[in-house]
Amino acid sequence: MAAAQGHLSDHSDGDEQAGDTAGQAEAEAVPAAFRRAVEAVRGARLRPEIEIDPTRPPQRLAPHAYALEATVVDGEEDLADGRLVLLHDPAGHDTWKGTFRLVTLVRAELEPEMAADPLLPDVCWSWLTGALQARGLAYGEASGTVTMAGSHYFGGLADRSPATQIEIRASWTPREDATGVPDSGAHLAAWCDLLCQIAGLPPSPADPGAGTTSGAGVVSLPQRRGPQQP
């Protein structure tokens, strides 16, 4: 399993020397709890089907943010993709009921007949909560949406088959330990379990190092077609 990598974002502008100075000042201002949470994300062991890269985090959601983009790849085919953002507000947040928050977007393309299942949105939401519970993670204040959108093609695109995409947007508050730091690496691993599940991959075996079983008793979505490129 590969480890997630990345770096604390540097949003400084100007010449290289000014950027280095601003970046150093920003690094010194990063709270220790957030730095430890990011390091745990970087060191998470992930399934080999996951390709993951750091990306620029949102600027206005919290004083500190770290973001990753991931794709589930099977050979040359992209089966699902998503984005996960770790937010931190040392002063706390009334809505979060904590100082950390995880925000995600997950997308995958379905076979058209799967979209006809009226229970599919409920099932997809249960995959998120089930992925967290399967790894024994404590969390709260979960909220989100599950959206399905269909596309039919005409004219010069008429040779394309109809496509249906499912999208999960969600956020939750990871519970912090006695030092004020959540198990962010395990939350990333659970999120990757969700990503693989919506991609249609079978559950991975239990990870002896994690102390929990990933995907136990969970059925993956039976689709093998990746998100269609524009």
Protein backbone atom coordinates (compact mmCIF):
# COMPACT_ATOMS: atom_id res chain seq x y z
CA MET A 1 0.00 0.00 0.00
CA ALA A 2 1.27 3.45 -0.89
CA ALA A 3 1.46 6.35 1.52
CA ALA A 4 -0.33 9.62 0.83
CA GLN A 5 2.12 12.44 0.26
CA GLY A 6 1.89 16.21 0.08
CA HIS A 7 2.94 19.42 1.76
CA LEU A 8 1.42 22.27 3.72
CA SER A 9 0.18 24.76 1.17
CA ASP A 10 2.06 27.99 0.60
CA HIS A 11 -0.17 30.74 -0.79
CA SER A 12 2.50 33.43 -0.85
CA ASP A 13 3.11 35.60 -3.92
CA GLY A 14 6.13 37.55 -5.14
CA ASP A 15 9.69 36.59 -5.93
CA GLU A 16 11.34 33.39 -4.79
CA GLN A 17 13.07 34.90 -1.75
CA ALA A 18 9.91 36.65 -0.61
CA GLY A 19 7.97 33.43 -1.17
CA ASP A 20 10.47 31.45 0.92
CA THR A 21 10.26 33.99 3.75
CA ALA A 22 6.47 34.07 3.66
CA GLY A 23 6.31 30.29 3.50
CA GLN A 24 8.58 29.96 6.53
CA ALA A 25 6.48 32.43 8.49
CA GLU A 26 3.32 30.55 7.50
CA ALA A 27 4.83 27.23 8.57
CA GLU A 28 5.78 28.66 11.96
CA ALA A 29 2.19 29.88 12.41
CA VAL A 30 0.64 26.45 11.75
CA PRO A 31 -0.77 24.99 15.00
CA ALA A 32 0.96 21.83 16.20
CA ALA A 33 -2.34 19.92 16.24
CA PHE A 34 -3.00 20.69 12.58
CA ARG A 35 0.57 19.86 11.61
CA ARG A 36 0.29 16.47 13.32
CA ALA A 37 -3.06 15.81 11.64
CA VAL A 38 -1.56 16.57 8.22
CA GLU A 39 1.46 14.37 8.90
CA ALA A 40 -0.92 11.51 9.76
CA VAL A 41 -2.68 12.02 6.42
CA ARG A 42 0.66 11.94 4.59
CA GLY A 43 1.62 8.67 6.26
CA ALA A 44 -1.66 6.83 5.67
CA ARG A 45 -1.35 3.45 3.95
CA LEU A 46 -3.74 3.28 1.00
CA ARG A 47 -4.86 0.67 -1.50
CA PRO A 48 -2.70 0.44 -4.64
CA GLU A 49 -5.69 1.31 -6.85
CA ILE A 50 -5.74 4.80 -5.32
CA GLU A 51 -3.78 7.56 -7.03
CA ILE A 52 -3.62 10.55 -4.72
CA ASP A 53 -2.11 14.02 -4.96
CA PRO A 54 -2.19 17.21 -2.87
CA THR A 55 -4.18 20.09 -4.29
CA ARG A 56 -4.77 23.71 -3.40
CA PRO A 57 -7.18 23.88 -0.46
CA PRO A 58 -10.11 26.30 -0.17
CA GLN A 59 -9.17 29.67 1.30
CA ARG A 60 -12.20 30.81 3.30
CA LEU A 61 -13.63 27.76 5.04
CA ALA A 62 -11.21 27.74 7.97
CA PRO A 63 -7.96 29.36 9.13
CA HIS A 64 -6.04 26.20 8.18
CA ALA A 65 -6.82 23.70 5.40
CA TYR A 66 -5.18 20.80 3.61
CA ALA A 67 -6.63 19.10 0.53
CA LEU A 68 -6.09 15.95 -1.50
CA GLU A 69 -7.50 14.68 -4.79
CA ALA A 70 -7.75 10.95 -5.47
CA THR A 71 -8.69 8.69 -8.35
CA VAL A 72 -9.49 4.97 -8.33
CA VAL A 73 -7.66 3.46 -11.29
CA ASP A 74 -8.10 0.01 -12.83
CA GLY A 75 -5.56 -0.40 -15.62
CA GLU A 76 -6.16 2.52 -17.98
CA GLU A 77 -9.64 3.21 -16.61
CA ASP A 78 -10.61 5.81 -14.01
CA LEU A 79 -13.48 4.34 -12.01
CA ALA A 80 -14.14 7.12 -9.49
CA ASP A 81 -12.59 10.32 -8.24
CA GLY A 82 -12.90 12.60 -5.27
CA ARG A 83 -11.53 15.39 -3.14
CA LEU A 84 -10.98 15.43 0.62
CA VAL A 85 -10.31 18.60 2.62
CA LEU A 86 -9.08 18.72 6.22
CA LEU A 87 -10.11 21.95 7.96
CA HIS A 88 -8.91 23.27 11.30
CA ASP A 89 -10.05 26.20 13.41
CA PRO A 90 -8.12 26.32 16.72
CA ALA A 91 -10.86 28.49 18.24
CA GLY A 92 -13.48 25.85 17.56
CA HIS A 93 -16.58 26.06 15.43
CA ASP A 94 -20.16 25.98 16.72
CA THR A 95 -21.48 24.10 13.68
CA TRP A 96 -18.65 21.55 13.69
CA LYS A 97 -18.75 21.06 17.48
CA GLY A 98 -14.99 20.64 17.33
CA THR A 99 -11.84 22.20 15.93
CA PHE A 100 -11.44 19.88 12.90
CA ARG A 101 -13.76 19.14 9.99
CA LEU A 102 -13.49 16.86 6.97
CA VAL A 103 -15.24 17.86 3.73
CA THR A 104 -15.51 15.60 0.70
CA LEU A 105 -16.75 15.24 -2.84
CA VAL A 106 -16.88 11.74 -4.41
CA ARG A 107 -18.03 10.98 -7.98
CA ALA A 108 -18.46 7.89 -10.13
CA GLU A 109 -20.31 6.97 -13.30
CA LEU A 110 -22.94 4.24 -13.09
CA GLU A 111 -24.48 1.86 -15.51
CA PRO A 112 -27.88 3.41 -16.43
CA GLU A 113 -29.89 0.57 -14.92
CA MET A 114 -28.30 1.17 -11.51
CA ALA A 115 -29.71 4.70 -11.40
CA ALA A 116 -33.24 3.29 -11.47
CA ASP A 117 -32.85 1.91 -7.94
CA PRO A 118 -34.75 4.34 -5.65
CA LEU A 119 -32.72 3.17 -2.64
CA LEU A 120 -29.35 3.93 -4.21
CA PRO A 121 -28.89 7.39 -2.57
CA ASP A 122 -29.60 5.91 0.88
CA VAL A 123 -27.20 3.05 0.19
CA CYS A 124 -24.44 5.42 -0.93
CA TRP A 125 -24.82 7.54 2.20
CA SER A 126 -24.64 4.40 4.34
CA TRP A 127 -21.35 3.56 2.62
CA LEU A 128 -19.81 6.73 4.03
CA THR A 129 -20.97 6.15 7.59
CA GLY A 130 -20.24 2.43 7.28
CA ALA A 131 -16.67 3.09 6.11
CA LEU A 132 -16.02 5.22 9.19
CA GLN A 133 -17.64 2.72 11.53
CA ALA A 134 -15.79 -0.23 9.98
CA ARG A 135 -12.52 1.38 11.04
CA GLY A 136 -13.81 2.14 14.53
CA LEU A 137 -13.68 5.91 14.03
CA ALA A 138 -15.60 8.29 16.27
CA TYR A 139 -17.21 11.21 14.47
CA GLY A 140 -20.16 13.57 14.72
CA GLU A 141 -22.28 16.19 12.95
CA ALA A 142 -22.27 14.30 9.64
CA SER A 143 -24.24 15.94 6.84
CA GLY A 144 -24.34 15.87 3.08
CA THR A 145 -26.13 15.12 -0.16
CA VAL A 146 -26.25 12.28 -2.67
CA THR A 147 -27.06 13.42 -6.21
CA MET A 148 -27.66 11.45 -9.41
CA ALA A 149 -27.53 13.13 -12.82
CA GLY A 150 -28.20 11.54 -16.20
CA SER A 151 -26.87 12.58 -19.61
CA HIS A 152 -28.14 11.68 -23.08
CA TYR A 153 -26.09 12.60 -26.13
CA PHE A 154 -27.25 13.98 -29.48
CA GLY A 155 -25.89 15.22 -32.79
CA GLY A 156 -22.14 14.76 -33.04
CA LEU A 157 -22.14 12.98 -29.67
CA ALA A 158 -24.99 10.59 -30.50
CA ASP A 159 -22.66 7.59 -30.62
CA ARG A 160 -22.07 7.88 -26.86
CA SER A 161 -24.13 5.72 -24.53
CA PRO A 162 -26.35 7.43 -21.94
CA ALA A 163 -24.42 8.14 -18.76
CA THR A 164 -25.46 8.52 -15.13
CA GLN A 165 -23.16 9.98 -12.52
CA ILE A 166 -23.57 9.75 -8.78
CA GLU A 167 -22.05 12.38 -6.53
CA ILE A 168 -21.63 12.41 -2.76
CA ARG A 169 -20.95 15.69 -1.00
CA ALA A 170 -20.45 15.32 2.74
CA SER A 171 -18.73 16.65 5.82
CA TRP A 172 -18.20 15.35 9.33
CA THR A 173 -16.32 16.18 12.52
CA PRO A 174 -13.59 13.69 13.45
CA ARG A 175 -13.36 13.22 17.20
CA GLU A 176 -10.09 14.37 18.72
CA ASP A 177 -7.92 12.46 21.16
CA ALA A 178 -6.66 13.74 24.50
CA THR A 179 -4.05 15.86 22.73
CA GLY A 180 -6.65 17.53 20.52
CA VAL A 181 -5.70 15.68 17.32
CA PRO A 182 -8.05 13.39 15.33
CA ASP A 183 -6.93 10.13 13.73
CA SER A 184 -6.88 11.85 10.36
CA GLY A 185 -4.88 9.10 8.67
CA ALA A 186 -7.55 6.55 9.51
CA HIS A 187 -10.26 8.94 8.32
CA LEU A 188 -8.43 9.25 5.00
CA ALA A 189 -8.24 5.45 4.75
CA ALA A 190 -11.98 5.18 5.46
CA TRP A 191 -12.66 7.80 2.79
CA CYS A 192 -10.60 5.77 0.32
CA ASP A 193 -12.68 2.71 1.28
CA LEU A 194 -15.76 4.71 0.24
CA LEU A 195 -14.09 5.79 -2.99
CA CYS A 196 -13.20 2.21 -3.90
CA GLN A 197 -16.67 1.02 -2.95
CA ILE A 198 -18.47 3.50 -5.19
CA ALA A 199 -15.99 2.55 -7.93
CA GLY A 200 -17.20 -1.03 -7.72
CA LEU A 201 -14.02 -2.60 -6.33
CA PRO A 202 -14.33 -5.51 -3.90
CA PRO A 203 -13.52 -4.76 -0.23
CA SER A 204 -9.86 -4.97 0.68
CA PRO A 205 -8.68 -7.60 3.19
CA ALA A 206 -8.30 -6.62 6.82
CA ASP A 207 -5.22 -4.50 7.42
CA PRO A 208 -3.33 -6.06 10.36
CA GLY A 209 -1.76 -2.70 11.15
CA ALA A 210 -5.07 -0.87 11.33
CA GLY A 211 -6.70 -3.00 14.00
CA THR A 212 -10.00 -2.98 12.11
CA THR A 213 -11.57 -4.66 9.13
CA SER A 214 -12.04 -2.52 6.06
CA GLY A 215 -15.28 -2.99 4.18
CA ALA A 216 -16.45 -6.02 6.15
CA GLY A 217 -19.99 -7.06 5.25
CA VAL A 218 -20.36 -4.27 2.69
CA VAL A 219 -21.45 -4.67 -0.93
CA SER A 220 -19.77 -2.54 -3.59
CA LEU A 221 -21.53 -0.90 -6.48
CA PRO A 222 -21.52 -3.26 -9.50
CA GLN A 223 -20.15 -0.84 -12.07
CA ARG A 224 -16.88 -0.83 -13.92
CA ARG A 225 -17.11 2.25 -16.12
CA GLY A 226 -15.10 5.30 -15.16
CA PRO A 227 -16.18 8.94 -15.23
CA GLN A 228 -16.56 9.98 -18.86
CA GLN A 229 -14.21 12.67 -20.07
CA PRO A 230 -15.78 15.80 -21.62
